[in-house]
C-alpha atoms as a PDB file:
ATOM      1  CA  MET A   1      11.522 -27.169  -1.098  1.00  0.00           C
ATOM      2  CA  SER A   2       9.607 -23.961  -1.180  1.00  0.00           C
ATOM      3  CA  ASP A   3      11.524 -20.951  -0.061  1.00  0.00           C
ATOM      4  CA  PHE A   4       8.157 -19.387   1.228  1.00  0.00           C
ATOM      5  CA  LEU A   5       7.063 -22.165   3.699  1.00  0.00           C
ATOM      6  CA  VAL A   6       4.434 -19.871   5.400  1.00  0.00           C
ATOM      7  CA  LEU A   7       2.557 -19.335   2.043  1.00  0.00           C
ATOM      8  CA  PRO A   8       2.005 -22.506   0.320  1.00  0.00           C
ATOM      9  CA  GLY A   9      -0.301 -23.621  -2.403  1.00  0.00           C
ATOM     10  CA  VAL A  10      -3.609 -21.940  -2.695  1.00  0.00           C
ATOM     11  CA  TYR A  11      -2.563 -19.249  -0.157  1.00  0.00           C
ATOM     12  CA  LYS A  12       0.469 -18.287  -2.239  1.00  0.00           C
ATOM     13  CA  ALA A  13      -1.566 -18.257  -5.543  1.00  0.00           C
ATOM     14  CA  LEU A  14      -4.484 -15.955  -3.805  1.00  0.00           C
ATOM     15  CA  PHE A  15      -2.189 -13.687  -1.663  1.00  0.00           C
ATOM     16  CA  LEU A  16       0.604 -13.388  -3.883  1.00  0.00           C
ATOM     17  CA  TYR A  17      -0.983 -13.136  -7.366  1.00  0.00           C
ATOM     18  CA  ILE A  18      -4.789 -13.163  -7.430  1.00  0.00           C
ATOM     19  CA  GLU A  19      -5.280 -10.570  -4.746  1.00  0.00           C
ATOM     20  CA  PRO A  20      -2.598  -8.123  -5.911  1.00  0.00           C
ATOM     21  CA  ALA A  21      -3.986  -8.338  -9.376  1.00  0.00           C
ATOM     22  CA  SER A  22      -7.706  -7.953  -8.499  1.00  0.00           C
ATOM     23  CA  THR A  23      -6.764  -4.769  -6.103  1.00  0.00           C
ATOM     24  CA  ILE A  24      -4.528  -3.069  -8.678  1.00  0.00           C
ATOM     25  CA  LEU A  25      -7.093  -3.491 -11.970  1.00  0.00           C
ATOM     26  CA  PRO A  26      -9.653  -1.291  -9.979  1.00  0.00           C
ATOM     27  CA  ALA A  27      -7.060   1.614  -9.643  1.00  0.00           C
ATOM     28  CA  ILE A  28      -6.199   1.288 -13.323  1.00  0.00           C
ATOM     29  CA  LEU A  29      -9.896   1.486 -14.298  1.00  0.00           C
ATOM     30  CA  ILE A  30     -10.456   4.508 -12.201  1.00  0.00           C
ATOM     31  CA  TRP A  31      -7.537   6.408 -13.346  1.00  0.00           C
ATOM     32  CA  PHE A  32      -7.675   5.639 -16.988  1.00  0.00           C
ATOM     33  CA  ALA A  33     -10.627   4.015 -18.309  1.00  0.00           C
ATOM     34  CA  PRO A  34     -13.740   3.754 -17.845  1.00  0.00           C
ATOM     35  CA  GLY A  35     -12.839   6.275 -15.020  1.00  0.00           C
ATOM     36  CA  ALA A  36     -13.694   7.792 -11.810  1.00  0.00           C
ATOM     37  CA  ALA A  37     -17.610   8.557 -12.867  1.00  0.00           C
ATOM     38  CA  TRP A  38     -17.964   4.951 -13.906  1.00  0.00           C
ATOM     39  CA  PHE A  39     -16.582   3.651 -10.742  1.00  0.00           C
ATOM     40  CA  HIS A  40     -18.524   5.965  -8.468  1.00  0.00           C
ATOM     41  CA  HIS A  41     -21.852   5.085 -10.475  1.00  0.00           C
ATOM     42  CA  GLU A  42     -20.890   1.334  -9.918  1.00  0.00           C
ATOM     43  CA  LEU A  43     -20.657   1.507  -6.133  1.00  0.00           C
ATOM     44  CA  ILE A  44     -24.316   0.936  -5.764  1.00  0.00           C
ATOM     45  CA  PRO A  45     -25.960  -1.230  -8.378  1.00  0.00           C
ATOM     46  CA  ALA A  46     -28.198   0.861 -10.662  1.00  0.00           C
ATOM     47  CA  PRO A  47     -30.155  -0.028 -13.865  1.00  0.00           C
ATOM     48  CA  PRO A  48     -27.848  -0.207 -17.071  1.00  0.00           C
ATOM     49  CA  GLN A  49     -29.900   2.415 -18.681  1.00  0.00           C
ATOM     50  CA  GLU A  50     -29.140   5.052 -15.857  1.00  0.00           C
ATOM     51  CA  GLN A  51     -26.584   7.348 -17.244  1.00  0.00           C
ATOM     52  CA  VAL A  52     -23.036   7.935 -15.826  1.00  0.00           C
ATOM     53  CA  SER A  53     -22.895  11.500 -15.011  1.00  0.00           C
ATOM     54  CA  SER A  54     -19.901  13.555 -14.506  1.00  0.00           C
ATOM     55  CA  LEU A  55     -18.214  14.121 -11.249  1.00  0.00           C
ATOM     56  CA  ASP A  56     -17.722  17.391  -9.526  1.00  0.00           C
ATOM     57  CA  GLY A  57     -14.002  18.012  -8.803  1.00  0.00           C
ATOM     58  CA  ARG A  58     -14.070  16.874  -5.066  1.00  0.00           C
ATOM     59  CA  THR A  59     -15.802  13.644  -5.943  1.00  0.00           C
ATOM     60  CA  ARG A  60     -13.423  12.731  -8.608  1.00  0.00           C
ATOM     61  CA  MET A  61     -10.551  13.586  -6.359  1.00  0.00           C
ATOM     62  CA  ALA A  62     -11.907  11.410  -3.547  1.00  0.00           C
ATOM     63  CA  ILE A  63     -12.421   8.426  -6.052  1.00  0.00           C
ATOM     64  CA  TRP A  64      -8.998   8.996  -7.501  1.00  0.00           C
ATOM     65  CA  GLN A  65      -7.666   8.821  -3.881  1.00  0.00           C
ATOM     66  CA  LEU A  66      -9.735   5.944  -3.018  1.00  0.00           C
ATOM     67  CA  GLY A  67      -8.278   4.140  -6.044  1.00  0.00           C
ATOM     68  CA  ASN A  68      -4.620   5.154  -5.366  1.00  0.00           C
ATOM     69  CA  CYS A  69      -4.656   4.521  -1.627  1.00  0.00           C
ATOM     70  CA  CYS A  70      -7.267   1.522  -1.263  1.00  0.00           C
ATOM     71  CA  TYR A  71      -6.779  -0.342  -4.226  1.00  0.00           C
ATOM     72  CA  LEU A  72      -3.127   0.373  -5.780  1.00  0.00           C
ATOM     73  CA  LEU A  73      -1.312   0.622  -2.342  1.00  0.00           C
ATOM     74  CA  LEU A  74      -3.096  -2.537  -1.021  1.00  0.00           C
ATOM     75  CA  GLY A  75      -2.132  -4.476  -4.183  1.00  0.00           C
ATOM     76  CA  MET A  76       1.336  -3.415  -4.287  1.00  0.00           C
ATOM     77  CA  LEU A  77       1.879  -3.871  -0.467  1.00  0.00           C
ATOM     78  CA  SER A  78       0.744  -7.523  -0.620  1.00  0.00           C
ATOM     79  CA  SER A  79       2.632  -8.088  -3.871  1.00  0.00           C
ATOM     80  CA  LEU A  80       5.933  -6.225  -3.118  1.00  0.00           C
ATOM     81  CA  VAL A  81       5.991  -6.888   0.775  1.00  0.00           C
ATOM     82  CA  PHE A  82       5.249 -10.427   0.835  1.00  0.00           C
ATOM     83  CA  ARG A  83       7.848 -11.151  -1.856  1.00  0.00           C
ATOM     84  CA  ALA A  84      10.338  -9.190   0.250  1.00  0.00           C
ATOM     85  CA  ILE A  85       9.589 -11.210   3.140  1.00  0.00           C
ATOM     86  CA  ARG A  86       9.884 -14.333   1.069  1.00  0.00           C
ATOM     87  CA  ASP A  87      13.191 -13.166  -0.479  1.00  0.00           C
ATOM     88  CA  ALA A  88      15.036 -11.701   2.726  1.00  0.00           C
ATOM     89  CA  LEU A  89      13.976 -14.654   5.133  1.00  0.00           C
ATOM     90  CA  PRO A  90      14.297 -17.632   2.881  1.00  0.00           C
ATOM     91  CA  ASN A  91      15.346 -19.828   5.582  1.00  0.00           C
ATOM     92  CA  ASN A  92      13.405 -18.349   8.496  1.00  0.00           C
ATOM     93  CA  PRO A  93       9.830 -19.425   8.566  1.00  0.00           C
ATOM     94  CA  ILE A  94       9.142 -18.053  12.096  1.00  0.00           C
ATOM     95  CA  ALA A  95      10.080 -14.440  11.138  1.00  0.00           C
ATOM     96  CA  GLN A  96       8.204 -14.964   7.659  1.00  0.00           C
ATOM     97  CA  GLU A  97       5.184 -16.059   9.679  1.00  0.00           C
ATOM     98  CA  ARG A  98       5.373 -13.118  12.177  1.00  0.00           C
ATOM     99  CA  ILE A  99       5.684 -10.503   9.482  1.00  0.00           C
ATOM    100  CA  LEU A 100       3.307 -11.964   6.956  1.00  0.00           C
ATOM    101  CA  GLY A 101       0.733 -12.472   9.887  1.00  0.00           C
ATOM    102  CA  ALA A 102       1.008  -8.957  10.847  1.00  0.00           C
ATOM    103  CA  SER A 103       0.224  -8.014   7.390  1.00  0.00           C
ATOM    104  CA  LEU A 104      -2.610 -10.452   7.100  1.00  0.00           C
ATOM    105  CA  LEU A 105      -4.241  -9.340  10.436  1.00  0.00           C
ATOM    106  CA  ALA A 106      -4.115  -5.695   9.344  1.00  0.00           C
ATOM    107  CA  MET A 107      -5.686  -6.845   5.905  1.00  0.00           C
ATOM    108  CA  ALA A 108      -8.272  -8.882   7.733  1.00  0.00           C
ATOM    109  CA  ILE A 109      -9.362  -6.005   9.978  1.00  0.00           C
ATOM    110  CA  ALA A 110      -9.708  -3.791   6.771  1.00  0.00           C
ATOM    111  CA  ASP A 111     -11.700  -6.725   5.139  1.00  0.00           C
ATOM    112  CA  ALA A 112     -14.045  -6.864   7.860  1.00  0.00           C
ATOM    113  CA  THR A 113     -14.794  -3.147   8.010  1.00  0.00           C
ATOM    114  CA  HIS A 114     -14.852  -3.021   4.215  1.00  0.00           C
ATOM    115  CA  ILE A 115     -17.507  -5.533   4.147  1.00  0.00           C
ATOM    116  CA  VAL A 116     -19.596  -4.026   6.663  1.00  0.00           C
ATOM    117  CA  ALA A 117     -19.239  -0.367   5.313  1.00  0.00           C
ATOM    118  CA  SER A 118     -20.208  -1.646   1.642  1.00  0.00           C
ATOM    119  CA  PHE A 119     -23.238  -3.527   3.049  1.00  0.00           C
ATOM    120  CA  ILE A 120     -24.393  -0.947   5.508  1.00  0.00           C
ATOM    121  CA  GLY A 121     -23.998   1.482   2.302  1.00  0.00           C
ATOM    122  CA  LEU A 122     -26.476  -0.442  -0.023  1.00  0.00           C
ATOM    123  CA  PRO A 123     -30.044   0.408  -0.273  1.00  0.00           C
ATOM    124  CA  GLU A 124     -32.378  -1.985   1.714  1.00  0.00           C
ATOM    125  CA  SER A 125     -33.727  -2.890  -1.653  1.00  0.00           C
ATOM    126  CA  LEU A 126     -30.265  -4.646  -2.644  1.00  0.00           C
ATOM    127  CA  LYS A 127     -28.921  -5.745   0.654  1.00  0.00           C
ATOM    128  CA  TYR A 128     -30.201  -9.292   0.718  1.00  0.00           C
ATOM    129  CA  ARG A 129     -30.520  -9.628  -3.136  1.00  0.00           C
ATOM    130  CA  PRO A 130     -26.920 -10.433  -4.279  1.00  0.00           C
ATOM    131  CA  GLY A 131     -28.614 -11.592  -7.535  1.00  0.00           C
ATOM    132  CA  LEU A 132     -29.125  -7.898  -8.340  1.00  0.00           C
ATOM    133  CA  TRP A 133     -25.546  -6.862  -7.466  1.00  0.00           C
ATOM    134  CA  ASN A 134     -23.119  -5.796 -10.062  1.00  0.00           C
ATOM    135  CA  PRO A 135     -19.360  -6.857 -10.226  1.00  0.00           C
ATOM    136  CA  THR A 136     -18.071  -4.049  -8.187  1.00  0.00           C
ATOM    137  CA  THR A 137     -20.593  -4.773  -5.273  1.00  0.00           C
ATOM    138  CA  HIS A 138     -19.594  -8.457  -5.384  1.00  0.00           C
ATOM    139  CA  GLY A 139     -15.786  -7.335  -5.601  1.00  0.00           C
ATOM    140  CA  ASN A 140     -16.505  -5.177  -2.418  1.00  0.00           C
ATOM    141  CA  ILE A 141     -18.498  -7.736  -0.567  1.00  0.00           C
ATOM    142  CA  SER A 142     -18.519 -11.303  -1.974  1.00  0.00           C
ATOM    143  CA  PHE A 143     -14.971 -11.437  -2.848  1.00  0.00           C
ATOM    144  CA  VAL A 144     -13.727  -9.504   0.158  1.00  0.00           C
ATOM    145  CA  ILE A 145     -15.567 -12.285   2.207  1.00  0.00           C
ATOM    146  CA  ILE A 146     -13.487 -14.921   0.466  1.00  0.00           C
ATOM    147  CA  LEU A 147     -10.326 -13.217   1.060  1.00  0.00           C
ATOM    148  CA  LEU A 148     -11.182 -12.772   4.886  1.00  0.00           C
ATOM    149  CA  LEU A 149     -12.307 -16.355   4.996  1.00  0.00           C
ATOM    150  CA  PHE A 150      -8.761 -17.245   3.756  1.00  0.00           C
ATOM    151  CA  ARG A 151      -7.004 -15.108   5.979  1.00  0.00           C
ATOM    152  CA  ILE A 152      -8.893 -16.814   9.017  1.00  0.00           C
ATOM    153  CA  ALA A 153      -7.926 -20.351   7.390  1.00  0.00           C
ATOM    154  CA  TRP A 154      -4.402 -19.346   7.242  1.00  0.00           C
ATOM    155  CA  PHE A 155      -4.431 -18.043  10.903  1.00  0.00           C
ATOM    156  CA  SER A 156      -6.055 -21.390  11.792  1.00  0.00           C
ATOM    157  CA  GLY A 157      -3.194 -23.155  10.048  1.00  0.00           C
ATOM    158  CA  ILE A 158      -5.515 -25.075   7.601  1.00  0.00           C
ATOM    159  CA  GLY A 159      -3.680 -26.454   4.813  1.00  0.00           C
ATOM    160  CA  ARG A 160      -0.307 -25.313   5.859  1.00  0.00           C
ATOM    161  CA  THR A 161       2.428 -25.834   8.804  1.00  0.00           C
ATOM    162  CA  ARG A 162       2.412 -23.130  11.461  1.00  0.00           C
ATOM    163  CA  TYR A 163       5.627 -21.854  12.853  1.00  0.00           C
ATOM    164  CA  TYR A 164       4.794 -19.089  14.985  1.00  0.00           C
ATOM    165  CA  PHE A 165       0.957 -18.422  15.368  1.00  0.00           C
ATOM    166  CA  GLY A 166      -0.752 -21.177  17.373  1.00  0.00           C
ATOM    167  CA  GLN A 167       2.756 -22.509  18.741  1.00  0.00           C
ATOM    168  CA  GLN A 168       3.474 -22.436  22.337  1.00  0.00           C
ATOM    169  CA  ARG A 169       5.646 -19.342  23.008  1.00  0.00           C
ATOM    170  CA  SER A 170       8.377 -21.450  24.804  1.00  0.00           C
ATOM    171  CA  ARG A 171       8.786 -23.746  21.786  1.00  0.00           C
ATOM    172  CA  VAL A 172       9.167 -20.838  19.535  1.00  0.00           C
ATOM    173  CA  GLN A 173      12.577 -19.531  19.009  1.00  0.00           C
ATOM    174  CA  VAL A 174      12.810 -16.214  17.086  1.00  0.00           C
ATOM    175  CA  LYS A 175      15.962 -15.644  14.987  1.00  0.00           C
ATOM    176  CA  ARG A 176      17.128 -12.206  15.477  1.00  0.00           C
ATOM    177  CA  ILE A 177      18.377 -10.390  12.677  1.00  0.00           C
END
């Protein structure tokens, strides 16, 4: 029997392993190689022959902070906090679901605003032409849409037993720690 009942199967694979790895990787790419200038250039797809220029200090700092806060922090939170929920509350799926649900709700809101901001930021010539998007654009829009859909599916109870969300409040007894 799983000790993380609220995060079974594909949800466990996605939220505990794939998402943290996919969010920590850009931070590493920004900090080390190919670097902040490369990432800045990749935010909006451009022809491959266009040179990656160096960045002024303020822009480099902003990209490093984005990599640290958005990518590294998000990856560590989903990896470390979700494991802490599992380990601290192995026999309390109601508490697991309430805490995990709060995290997933915050992430879903961030997903939605990230998708909108990324899409709005694209030039009109690229918005409706995903075939012209680069991997970074697909990561910021396509992959985040998939994550958001899986968060919605989790809240909807698709492919899992619900212990708190979607339950009548009178039937849900929360164990106090």
